[in-house]
Amino acid sequence: MKVVATIGLGANLNDPAAQVEYALAELDRLPATRLLARSSLYASSPVGYVDQPDFINAVAQVETALAPRALLAALLDIEQRHGRERSFRNAPRTLDLDLLLYGGARFHEEGLTLPHPRMHERAFVLLPLLEIAGQTVIPGRGPAAGWLAACRGQNVALLPPSPAAAHA
């Protein structure tokens, strides 16, 4: 059975825009998975630990036959290949991949909560998500668009397309 899963991407080290672009391409190469949609890139101020560079963020939707845990393991493997280190909570990172939604699934297990428990609080997730899937409903919370007003004041900006992306 194939499911549409939504993935948040972010990076703020080692050419973060390139890290996110490479990761988007890697999502399309996961087993039993294909990239359906990807957002533009957005710049955002860090959350939590603020003494670090701004982030580059995006959101992607994939169609996958991978189970949630298998998809999460594949995402963590991509992070590791990009040099991700988990030195402390909200630390700077070469790549961060978050499984935001897995169809309409709602559950919590050690290491995996769906939908992502803070996605509705983050403009850097909601803006790119609404760009590619404006009618998204967050299970247990309602329409994603309804949460955007609560994120007012968060510093998130749409980046212009890169010259390389414009010729792709």
C-alpha atoms as a PDB file:
ATOM      1  CA  MET A   1       0.000   0.000   0.000  1.00  0.00           C
ATOM      2  CA  LYS A   2       1.353   3.408  -0.957  1.00  0.00           C
ATOM      3  CA  VAL A   3       0.981   6.436   1.282  1.00  0.00           C
ATOM      4  CA  VAL A   4       1.712  10.131   0.768  1.00  0.00           C
ATOM      5  CA  ALA A   5       4.246  11.258   3.363  1.00  0.00           C
ATOM      6  CA  THR A   6       5.357  14.828   4.024  1.00  0.00           C
ATOM      7  CA  ILE A   7       8.955  15.589   4.950  1.00  0.00           C
ATOM      8  CA  GLY A   8      10.457  18.786   6.313  1.00  0.00           C
ATOM      9  CA  LEU A   9      14.027  19.616   5.295  1.00  0.00           C
ATOM     10  CA  GLY A  10      16.398  22.086   6.899  1.00  0.00           C
ATOM     11  CA  ALA A  11      20.097  22.930   7.001  1.00  0.00           C
ATOM     12  CA  ASN A  12      22.333  25.768   8.161  1.00  0.00           C
ATOM     13  CA  LEU A  13      25.892  24.452   7.673  1.00  0.00           C
ATOM     14  CA  ASN A  14      28.113  23.580   4.694  1.00  0.00           C
ATOM     15  CA  ASP A  15      26.175  25.347   1.905  1.00  0.00           C
ATOM     16  CA  PRO A  16      22.695  24.732   3.340  1.00  0.00           C
ATOM     17  CA  ALA A  17      20.799  25.407   0.102  1.00  0.00           C
ATOM     18  CA  ALA A  18      22.869  22.762  -1.682  1.00  0.00           C
ATOM     19  CA  GLN A  19      22.397  20.330   1.226  1.00  0.00           C
ATOM     20  CA  VAL A  20      18.604  20.701   0.960  1.00  0.00           C
ATOM     21  CA  GLU A  21      18.633  20.406  -2.850  1.00  0.00           C
ATOM     22  CA  TYR A  22      20.761  17.236  -2.708  1.00  0.00           C
ATOM     23  CA  ALA A  23      18.491  15.744  -0.052  1.00  0.00           C
ATOM     24  CA  LEU A  24      15.406  16.474  -2.163  1.00  0.00           C
ATOM     25  CA  ALA A  25      16.982  14.507  -5.016  1.00  0.00           C
ATOM     26  CA  GLU A  26      17.870  11.674  -2.629  1.00  0.00           C
ATOM     27  CA  LEU A  27      14.245  11.377  -1.471  1.00  0.00           C
ATOM     28  CA  ASP A  28      13.279  10.445  -5.037  1.00  0.00           C
ATOM     29  CA  ARG A  29      15.841   7.618  -4.979  1.00  0.00           C
ATOM     30  CA  LEU A  30      14.597   5.926  -1.800  1.00  0.00           C
ATOM     31  CA  PRO A  31      13.302   2.368  -2.296  1.00  0.00           C
ATOM     32  CA  ALA A  32       9.584   2.118  -3.150  1.00  0.00           C
ATOM     33  CA  THR A  33       9.350   5.921  -2.994  1.00  0.00           C
ATOM     34  CA  ARG A  34       8.912   8.731  -5.484  1.00  0.00           C
ATOM     35  CA  LEU A  35       8.982  12.467  -5.047  1.00  0.00           C
ATOM     36  CA  LEU A  36       5.562  13.985  -5.757  1.00  0.00           C
ATOM     37  CA  ALA A  37       6.157  17.650  -4.921  1.00  0.00           C
ATOM     38  CA  ARG A  38       8.760  19.934  -3.446  1.00  0.00           C
ATOM     39  CA  SER A  39       8.504  23.473  -2.213  1.00  0.00           C
ATOM     40  CA  SER A  40      10.674  26.452  -2.918  1.00  0.00           C
ATOM     41  CA  LEU A  41      13.500  27.157  -0.496  1.00  0.00           C
ATOM     42  CA  TYR A  42      12.849  29.410   2.497  1.00  0.00           C
ATOM     43  CA  ALA A  43      15.259  31.149   4.868  1.00  0.00           C
ATOM     44  CA  SER A  44      14.362  31.143   8.555  1.00  0.00           C
ATOM     45  CA  SER A  45      15.820  32.298  11.824  1.00  0.00           C
ATOM     46  CA  PRO A  46      16.879  29.532  14.212  1.00  0.00           C
ATOM     47  CA  VAL A  47      14.463  28.343  16.905  1.00  0.00           C
ATOM     48  CA  GLY A  48      15.579  27.402  20.417  1.00  0.00           C
ATOM     49  CA  TYR A  49      19.344  27.873  20.223  1.00  0.00           C
ATOM     50  CA  VAL A  50      19.570  31.196  18.367  1.00  0.00           C
ATOM     51  CA  ASP A  51      23.359  31.748  18.289  1.00  0.00           C
ATOM     52  CA  GLN A  52      23.805  30.055  14.910  1.00  0.00           C
ATOM     53  CA  PRO A  53      23.351  30.797  11.190  1.00  0.00           C
ATOM     54  CA  ASP A  54      19.900  31.083   9.625  1.00  0.00           C
ATOM     55  CA  PHE A  55      18.372  27.940   8.145  1.00  0.00           C
ATOM     56  CA  ILE A  56      17.334  27.007   4.647  1.00  0.00           C
ATOM     57  CA  ASN A  57      14.074  25.024   4.726  1.00  0.00           C
ATOM     58  CA  ALA A  58      11.796  23.188   2.316  1.00  0.00           C
ATOM     59  CA  VAL A  59       8.999  20.634   2.408  1.00  0.00           C
ATOM     60  CA  ALA A  60       8.561  17.618   0.136  1.00  0.00           C
ATOM     61  CA  GLN A  61       5.788  15.130  -0.419  1.00  0.00           C
ATOM     62  CA  VAL A  62       6.610  11.584  -1.435  1.00  0.00           C
ATOM     63  CA  GLU A  63       4.522   8.586  -2.307  1.00  0.00           C
ATOM     64  CA  THR A  64       6.008   5.587  -0.527  1.00  0.00           C
ATOM     65  CA  ALA A  65       5.386   1.959   0.218  1.00  0.00           C
ATOM     66  CA  LEU A  66       7.833   2.159   3.140  1.00  0.00           C
ATOM     67  CA  ALA A  67       6.318   1.836   6.603  1.00  0.00           C
ATOM     68  CA  PRO A  68       6.740   4.902   8.856  1.00  0.00           C
ATOM     69  CA  ARG A  69       9.697   3.443  10.790  1.00  0.00           C
ATOM     70  CA  ALA A  70      11.438   2.341   7.583  1.00  0.00           C
ATOM     71  CA  LEU A  71      10.926   5.782   6.041  1.00  0.00           C
ATOM     72  CA  LEU A  72      12.264   7.455   9.186  1.00  0.00           C
ATOM     73  CA  ALA A  73      15.314   5.145   9.137  1.00  0.00           C
ATOM     74  CA  ALA A  74      15.940   6.085   5.500  1.00  0.00           C
ATOM     75  CA  LEU A  75      15.689   9.795   6.377  1.00  0.00           C
ATOM     76  CA  LEU A  76      18.145   9.385   9.253  1.00  0.00           C
ATOM     77  CA  ASP A  77      20.520   7.562   6.891  1.00  0.00           C
ATOM     78  CA  ILE A  78      20.402  10.511   4.460  1.00  0.00           C
ATOM     79  CA  GLU A  79      21.130  12.890   7.357  1.00  0.00           C
ATOM     80  CA  GLN A  80      24.111  10.786   8.402  1.00  0.00           C
ATOM     81  CA  ARG A  81      25.502  10.713   4.848  1.00  0.00           C
ATOM     82  CA  HIS A  82      25.316  14.528   4.902  1.00  0.00           C
ATOM     83  CA  GLY A  83      27.425  14.644   8.064  1.00  0.00           C
ATOM     84  CA  ARG A  84      24.640  15.326  10.575  1.00  0.00           C
ATOM     85  CA  GLU A  85      25.875  15.444  14.169  1.00  0.00           C
ATOM     86  CA  ARG A  86      23.513  15.620  17.134  1.00  0.00           C
ATOM     87  CA  SER A  87      25.679  17.484  19.637  1.00  0.00           C
ATOM     88  CA  PHE A  88      22.776  19.158  21.499  1.00  0.00           C
ATOM     89  CA  ARG A  89      19.105  20.028  20.990  1.00  0.00           C
ATOM     90  CA  ASN A  90      18.552  22.615  18.212  1.00  0.00           C
ATOM     91  CA  ALA A  91      22.263  22.609  17.337  1.00  0.00           C
ATOM     92  CA  PRO A  92      23.468  23.810  13.939  1.00  0.00           C
ATOM     93  CA  ARG A  93      23.223  21.018  11.365  1.00  0.00           C
ATOM     94  CA  THR A  94      24.261  20.049   7.878  1.00  0.00           C
ATOM     95  CA  LEU A  95      20.843  18.476   7.302  1.00  0.00           C
ATOM     96  CA  ASP A  96      17.667  17.825   9.252  1.00  0.00           C
ATOM     97  CA  LEU A  97      14.892  15.651   7.829  1.00  0.00           C
ATOM     98  CA  ASP A  98      11.635  15.433   9.759  1.00  0.00           C
ATOM     99  CA  LEU A  99       8.807  13.052   8.956  1.00  0.00           C
ATOM    100  CA  LEU A 100       5.904  15.475   9.351  1.00  0.00           C
ATOM    101  CA  LEU A 101       2.918  13.500   8.064  1.00  0.00           C
ATOM    102  CA  TYR A 102       2.368   9.923   6.985  1.00  0.00           C
ATOM    103  CA  GLY A 103      -1.014   9.882   5.300  1.00  0.00           C
ATOM    104  CA  GLY A 104      -3.549  10.507   8.045  1.00  0.00           C
ATOM    105  CA  ALA A 105      -1.630   8.507  10.663  1.00  0.00           C
ATOM    106  CA  ARG A 106      -1.776   9.572  14.294  1.00  0.00           C
ATOM    107  CA  PHE A 107       0.451   7.748  16.749  1.00  0.00           C
ATOM    108  CA  HIS A 108       3.255   8.121  19.220  1.00  0.00           C
ATOM    109  CA  GLU A 109       6.031   5.636  19.787  1.00  0.00           C
ATOM    110  CA  GLU A 110       9.529   6.058  21.176  1.00  0.00           C
ATOM    111  CA  GLY A 111      11.377   8.157  18.601  1.00  0.00           C
ATOM    112  CA  LEU A 112       8.418   8.769  16.253  1.00  0.00           C
ATOM    113  CA  THR A 113       5.290  10.864  16.686  1.00  0.00           C
ATOM    114  CA  LEU A 114       2.895  11.467  13.809  1.00  0.00           C
ATOM    115  CA  PRO A 115       1.939  14.027  12.894  1.00  0.00           C
ATOM    116  CA  HIS A 116       5.149  15.812  13.909  1.00  0.00           C
ATOM    117  CA  PRO A 117       4.258  17.326  17.303  1.00  0.00           C
ATOM    118  CA  ARG A 118       5.497  20.870  16.578  1.00  0.00           C
ATOM    119  CA  MET A 119       4.849  21.268  12.847  1.00  0.00           C
ATOM    120  CA  HIS A 120       1.781  23.454  13.438  1.00  0.00           C
ATOM    121  CA  GLU A 121       3.896  25.899  15.483  1.00  0.00           C
ATOM    122  CA  ARG A 122       6.547  26.515  12.823  1.00  0.00           C
ATOM    123  CA  ALA A 123       6.166  28.943   9.943  1.00  0.00           C
ATOM    124  CA  PHE A 124       9.246  27.388   8.311  1.00  0.00           C
ATOM    125  CA  VAL A 125       7.198  24.190   7.966  1.00  0.00           C
ATOM    126  CA  LEU A 126       3.757  25.646   7.277  1.00  0.00           C
ATOM    127  CA  LEU A 127       4.716  28.130   4.535  1.00  0.00           C
ATOM    128  CA  PRO A 128       6.479  25.599   2.279  1.00  0.00           C
ATOM    129  CA  LEU A 129       3.851  22.948   3.070  1.00  0.00           C
ATOM    130  CA  LEU A 130       1.008  25.251   2.062  1.00  0.00           C
ATOM    131  CA  GLU A 131       2.907  26.193  -1.108  1.00  0.00           C
ATOM    132  CA  ILE A 132       2.758  22.591  -2.373  1.00  0.00           C
ATOM    133  CA  ALA A 133      -0.347  21.279  -0.610  1.00  0.00           C
ATOM    134  CA  GLY A 134      -2.594  24.163   0.376  1.00  0.00           C
ATOM    135  CA  GLN A 135      -5.453  21.965   1.550  1.00  0.00           C
ATOM    136  CA  THR A 136      -3.355  19.903   3.975  1.00  0.00           C
ATOM    137  CA  VAL A 137      -5.123  18.834   7.142  1.00  0.00           C
ATOM    138  CA  ILE A 138      -2.942  18.018  10.134  1.00  0.00           C
ATOM    139  CA  PRO A 139      -4.543  14.973  11.784  1.00  0.00           C
ATOM    140  CA  GLY A 140      -5.932  15.945  15.172  1.00  0.00           C
ATOM    141  CA  ARG A 141      -5.311  19.667  14.561  1.00  0.00           C
ATOM    142  CA  GLY A 142      -7.251  20.619  11.442  1.00  0.00           C
ATOM    143  CA  PRO A 143      -6.291  22.610   8.351  1.00  0.00           C
ATOM    144  CA  ALA A 144      -2.619  23.586   8.263  1.00  0.00           C
ATOM    145  CA  ALA A 145      -3.541  27.023   6.896  1.00  0.00           C
ATOM    146  CA  GLY A 146      -5.449  27.737  10.108  1.00  0.00           C
ATOM    147  CA  TRP A 147      -2.248  27.545  12.137  1.00  0.00           C
ATOM    148  CA  LEU A 148      -0.258  30.083  10.149  1.00  0.00           C
ATOM    149  CA  ALA A 149      -1.622  33.119  11.994  1.00  0.00           C
ATOM    150  CA  ALA A 150      -0.293  31.705  15.274  1.00  0.00           C
ATOM    151  CA  CYS A 151       3.202  31.748  13.716  1.00  0.00           C
ATOM    152  CA  ARG A 152       3.110  35.458  12.946  1.00  0.00           C
ATOM    153  CA  GLY A 153       6.357  37.136  13.887  1.00  0.00           C
ATOM    154  CA  GLN A 154       8.540  34.159  12.989  1.00  0.00           C
ATOM    155  CA  ASN A 155      11.216  35.269  10.553  1.00  0.00           C
ATOM    156  CA  VAL A 156      10.712  33.197   7.375  1.00  0.00           C
ATOM    157  CA  ALA A 157      11.343  34.428   3.832  1.00  0.00           C
ATOM    158  CA  LEU A 158      10.881  32.823   0.426  1.00  0.00           C
ATOM    159  CA  LEU A 159      14.199  32.639  -1.415  1.00  0.00           C
ATOM    160  CA  PRO A 160      14.400  33.478  -5.113  1.00  0.00           C
ATOM    161  CA  PRO A 161      15.004  30.433  -7.322  1.00  0.00           C
ATOM    162  CA  SER A 162      18.676  29.695  -7.867  1.00  0.00           C
ATOM    163  CA  PRO A 163      20.009  30.056 -11.422  1.00  0.00           C
ATOM    164  CA  ALA A 164      20.683  26.289 -11.466  1.00  0.00           C
ATOM    165  CA  ALA A 165      17.083  25.511 -10.453  1.00  0.00           C
ATOM    166  CA  ALA A 166      15.727  27.902 -13.095  1.00  0.00           C
ATOM    167  CA  HIS A 167      17.474  25.872 -15.821  1.00  0.00           C
ATOM    168  CA  ALA A 168      16.503  22.464 -14.462  1.00  0.00           C
END
